[in-house]
Amino acid sequence: MTDGLDGHFEPKHGLEPVTRLTRDLRTAAATLSDVEARYLVDAYYIMQDQRLRTEGQIRAMTKSAEPHVVIAWLSGQSSVLEKQIAGALDRYTSAHPMGQYMKSIKGIGPVLSAGFLAHIDITKAETAGHIWRFAGLDPTVRWEKGQKRPWNADLKVLCWKAGESFVKVSGGDNPGLYGLVYKQRKEWEQ
């Protein structure tokens, strides 16, 4: 067993490594249903949040010289699972022309693309405004007390994550179209 600092462990004491997706499962990922893709997108972000919390715990324990071998193992396993889910979602989005297009946009990867593909039924949206409204981004829509939420909360979060992604790429040498739009708008507002 290693010291746990690099996240690599040999199976001892019942700590078995996470297995990779088989070739058959990677192939099957291209045919995920929208429900399955939505679930995997949610699972990805839940695992990512947990891994980030775990890494914070490891940093704190390292500073105080506390042992953290099992926690480091958990972080490594979570990272492997995240990559496996992202790979499956990459296959899912590659099987759709719109998914391929979205992944070509700087700042949008397979997880966001899969989320958008799985949440938006373009046959039900006559205009882009219908998608904005469905995502809760229409400022004229009000959520009245006692009523069902008039938008898709998960899609709204995905839109926010896409916007944050454009902010992150806007500072680089090649910000892409939407990173550039953000940068120009920020300069104009300042």
Protein backbone atom coordinates (compact mmCIF):
# COMPACT_ATOMS: atom_id res chain seq x y z
CA MET A 1 0.00 0.00 0.00
CA THR A 2 1.30 3.48 -0.81
CA ASP A 3 1.38 6.44 1.53
CA GLY A 4 -1.91 7.67 0.06
CA LEU A 5 -0.61 10.99 -1.18
CA ASP A 6 -0.89 10.13 -4.86
CA GLY A 7 -4.27 8.41 -4.64
CA HIS A 8 -2.90 5.10 -5.98
CA PHE A 9 -3.50 2.04 -3.89
CA GLU A 10 -3.05 -1.64 -4.31
CA PRO A 11 -6.04 -3.66 -3.11
CA LYS A 12 -5.38 -4.50 0.54
CA HIS A 13 -7.66 -4.62 3.53
CA GLY A 14 -10.77 -4.85 1.32
CA LEU A 15 -10.13 -1.57 -0.52
CA GLU A 16 -10.77 -2.59 -4.11
CA PRO A 17 -10.20 -0.18 -7.01
CA VAL A 18 -13.05 1.10 -9.12
CA THR A 19 -13.26 -0.75 -12.42
CA ARG A 20 -13.26 1.01 -15.77
CA LEU A 21 -16.12 0.92 -18.22
CA THR A 22 -15.84 -2.08 -20.51
CA ARG A 23 -15.80 -1.62 -24.27
CA ASP A 24 -19.42 -2.83 -24.41
CA LEU A 25 -20.52 -0.25 -21.83
CA ARG A 26 -18.66 2.54 -23.66
CA THR A 27 -20.43 1.51 -26.86
CA ALA A 28 -23.79 1.37 -25.08
CA ALA A 29 -23.24 4.89 -23.73
CA ALA A 30 -23.91 6.24 -27.23
CA THR A 31 -27.50 4.98 -26.92
CA LEU A 32 -28.35 6.39 -23.49
CA SER A 33 -31.90 7.61 -23.07
CA ASP A 34 -32.43 11.22 -22.05
CA VAL A 35 -33.49 10.04 -18.59
CA GLU A 36 -30.26 8.04 -18.20
CA ALA A 37 -28.16 10.96 -19.43
CA ARG A 38 -29.86 13.37 -16.98
CA TYR A 39 -29.16 10.93 -14.15
CA LEU A 40 -25.50 10.59 -15.14
CA VAL A 41 -25.07 14.38 -15.42
CA ASP A 42 -26.54 14.77 -11.92
CA ALA A 43 -24.37 11.92 -10.60
CA TYR A 44 -21.27 13.51 -12.15
CA TYR A 45 -21.83 16.84 -10.41
CA ILE A 46 -22.68 15.17 -7.08
CA MET A 47 -19.48 13.11 -7.26
CA GLN A 48 -17.46 16.15 -8.28
CA ASP A 49 -18.74 18.14 -5.29
CA GLN A 50 -17.98 15.24 -2.95
CA ARG A 51 -14.48 14.81 -4.38
CA LEU A 52 -13.75 18.52 -3.99
CA ARG A 53 -14.89 18.40 -0.36
CA THR A 54 -12.73 15.33 0.19
CA GLU A 55 -9.70 17.06 -1.34
CA GLY A 56 -10.28 20.00 1.00
CA GLN A 57 -10.38 17.60 3.92
CA ILE A 58 -7.11 16.03 2.76
CA ARG A 59 -5.44 19.46 2.56
CA ALA A 60 -6.61 20.31 6.08
CA MET A 61 -5.47 16.97 7.46
CA THR A 62 -2.10 17.26 5.70
CA LYS A 63 -1.49 20.67 7.31
CA SER A 64 -2.21 19.25 10.76
CA ALA A 65 -0.17 16.09 10.03
CA GLU A 66 -3.18 13.81 10.61
CA PRO A 67 -3.37 10.45 8.81
CA HIS A 68 -5.69 10.44 5.81
CA VAL A 69 -4.87 7.35 3.74
CA VAL A 70 -8.45 6.10 3.39
CA ILE A 71 -9.77 9.58 2.61
CA ALA A 72 -7.09 9.95 -0.10
CA TRP A 73 -8.17 6.56 -1.47
CA LEU A 74 -11.78 7.79 -1.60
CA SER A 75 -10.70 10.92 -3.46
CA GLY A 76 -8.83 8.82 -6.03
CA GLN A 77 -11.81 6.52 -6.52
CA SER A 78 -14.15 9.49 -6.94
CA SER A 79 -11.85 10.95 -9.57
CA VAL A 80 -11.88 7.67 -11.51
CA LEU A 81 -15.69 7.53 -11.38
CA GLU A 82 -15.99 11.14 -12.55
CA LYS A 83 -13.75 10.42 -15.54
CA GLN A 84 -15.71 7.27 -16.37
CA ILE A 85 -19.03 9.15 -16.31
CA ALA A 86 -17.56 12.00 -18.38
CA GLY A 87 -16.33 9.40 -20.89
CA ALA A 88 -19.78 7.81 -21.12
CA LEU A 89 -21.38 11.23 -21.59
CA ASP A 90 -18.79 12.05 -24.25
CA ARG A 91 -19.92 8.95 -26.17
CA TYR A 92 -23.56 9.98 -25.71
CA THR A 93 -22.94 13.49 -27.06
CA SER A 94 -20.75 12.26 -29.92
CA ALA A 95 -23.71 10.20 -31.17
CA HIS A 96 -25.76 13.42 -31.64
CA PRO A 97 -24.91 16.14 -34.21
CA MET A 98 -25.98 18.86 -31.74
CA GLY A 99 -23.82 17.29 -29.04
CA GLN A 100 -20.83 17.40 -31.37
CA TYR A 101 -21.57 21.06 -32.13
CA MET A 102 -21.90 22.01 -28.45
CA LYS A 103 -18.60 20.33 -27.60
CA SER A 104 -16.94 22.43 -30.31
CA ILE A 105 -17.80 25.58 -28.33
CA LYS A 106 -14.91 26.68 -26.11
CA GLY A 107 -15.97 26.12 -22.48
CA ILE A 108 -18.61 23.45 -23.17
CA GLY A 109 -17.56 19.86 -22.65
CA PRO A 110 -19.30 16.51 -22.71
CA VAL A 111 -21.06 16.87 -19.33
CA LEU A 112 -22.71 20.23 -20.08
CA SER A 113 -23.49 19.11 -23.64
CA ALA A 114 -25.13 15.93 -22.36
CA GLY A 115 -27.15 17.92 -19.84
CA PHE A 116 -28.46 20.26 -22.52
CA LEU A 117 -29.23 17.40 -24.90
CA ALA A 118 -31.05 15.46 -22.20
CA HIS A 119 -33.12 18.41 -20.90
CA ILE A 120 -34.08 20.24 -24.09
CA ASP A 121 -36.57 18.70 -26.49
CA ILE A 122 -36.12 20.90 -29.53
CA THR A 123 -39.35 19.59 -31.07
CA LYS A 124 -41.28 21.30 -28.25
CA ALA A 125 -39.45 24.62 -28.54
CA GLU A 126 -40.63 26.78 -31.43
CA THR A 127 -38.10 29.53 -30.66
CA ALA A 128 -35.01 30.10 -28.55
CA GLY A 129 -37.24 32.07 -26.19
CA HIS A 130 -39.16 28.90 -25.37
CA ILE A 131 -35.88 27.27 -24.29
CA TRP A 132 -34.96 30.32 -22.18
CA ARG A 133 -38.38 30.20 -20.53
CA PHE A 134 -38.10 26.45 -19.88
CA ALA A 135 -34.69 27.11 -18.28
CA GLY A 136 -36.14 29.78 -16.00
CA LEU A 137 -34.29 32.62 -17.71
CA ASP A 138 -37.37 34.58 -18.81
CA PRO A 139 -37.62 37.52 -16.36
CA THR A 140 -41.36 37.89 -17.00
CA VAL A 141 -42.14 34.48 -15.48
CA ARG A 142 -43.04 34.52 -11.79
CA TRP A 143 -43.19 31.57 -9.44
CA GLU A 144 -46.25 32.19 -7.30
CA LYS A 145 -46.65 30.69 -3.86
CA GLY A 146 -48.41 27.34 -3.92
CA GLN A 147 -47.76 26.79 -7.63
CA LYS A 148 -45.50 24.29 -9.33
CA ARG A 149 -42.17 25.76 -10.40
CA PRO A 150 -42.70 27.08 -13.95
CA TRP A 151 -39.23 26.12 -15.19
CA ASN A 152 -36.74 23.28 -15.08
CA ALA A 153 -34.39 23.92 -12.15
CA ASP A 154 -31.74 21.46 -13.37
CA LEU A 155 -31.59 23.15 -16.77
CA LYS A 156 -31.30 26.54 -15.07
CA VAL A 157 -28.29 25.27 -13.11
CA LEU A 158 -26.71 23.91 -16.31
CA CYS A 159 -27.13 27.34 -17.95
CA TRP A 160 -25.45 28.95 -14.95
CA LYS A 161 -22.59 26.42 -15.16
CA ALA A 162 -22.17 27.17 -18.87
CA GLY A 163 -22.03 30.89 -18.12
CA GLU A 164 -19.41 30.30 -15.41
CA SER A 165 -17.43 28.21 -17.88
CA PHE A 166 -17.44 31.10 -20.38
CA VAL A 167 -16.21 33.43 -17.62
CA LYS A 168 -13.34 31.02 -16.88
CA VAL A 169 -12.19 30.77 -20.51
CA SER A 170 -12.55 34.52 -21.13
CA GLY A 171 -9.18 35.30 -19.57
CA GLY A 172 -7.11 33.03 -21.81
CA ASP A 173 -5.39 33.69 -25.11
CA ASN A 174 -8.21 31.96 -27.01
CA PRO A 175 -11.45 32.74 -25.13
CA GLY A 176 -13.72 31.40 -27.85
CA LEU A 177 -16.85 33.18 -29.04
CA TYR A 178 -18.81 33.28 -25.78
CA GLY A 179 -15.75 34.00 -23.63
CA LEU A 180 -15.09 36.96 -25.94
CA VAL A 181 -18.72 38.10 -25.70
CA TYR A 182 -18.46 37.99 -21.90
CA LYS A 183 -15.15 39.87 -21.93
CA GLN A 184 -16.52 42.61 -24.21
CA ARG A 185 -19.70 42.99 -22.16
CA LYS A 186 -17.70 43.21 -18.93
CA GLU A 187 -15.46 45.93 -20.42
CA TRP A 188 -18.53 47.83 -21.64
CA GLU A 189 -20.19 47.68 -18.22
CA GLN A 190 -17.05 48.83 -16.42
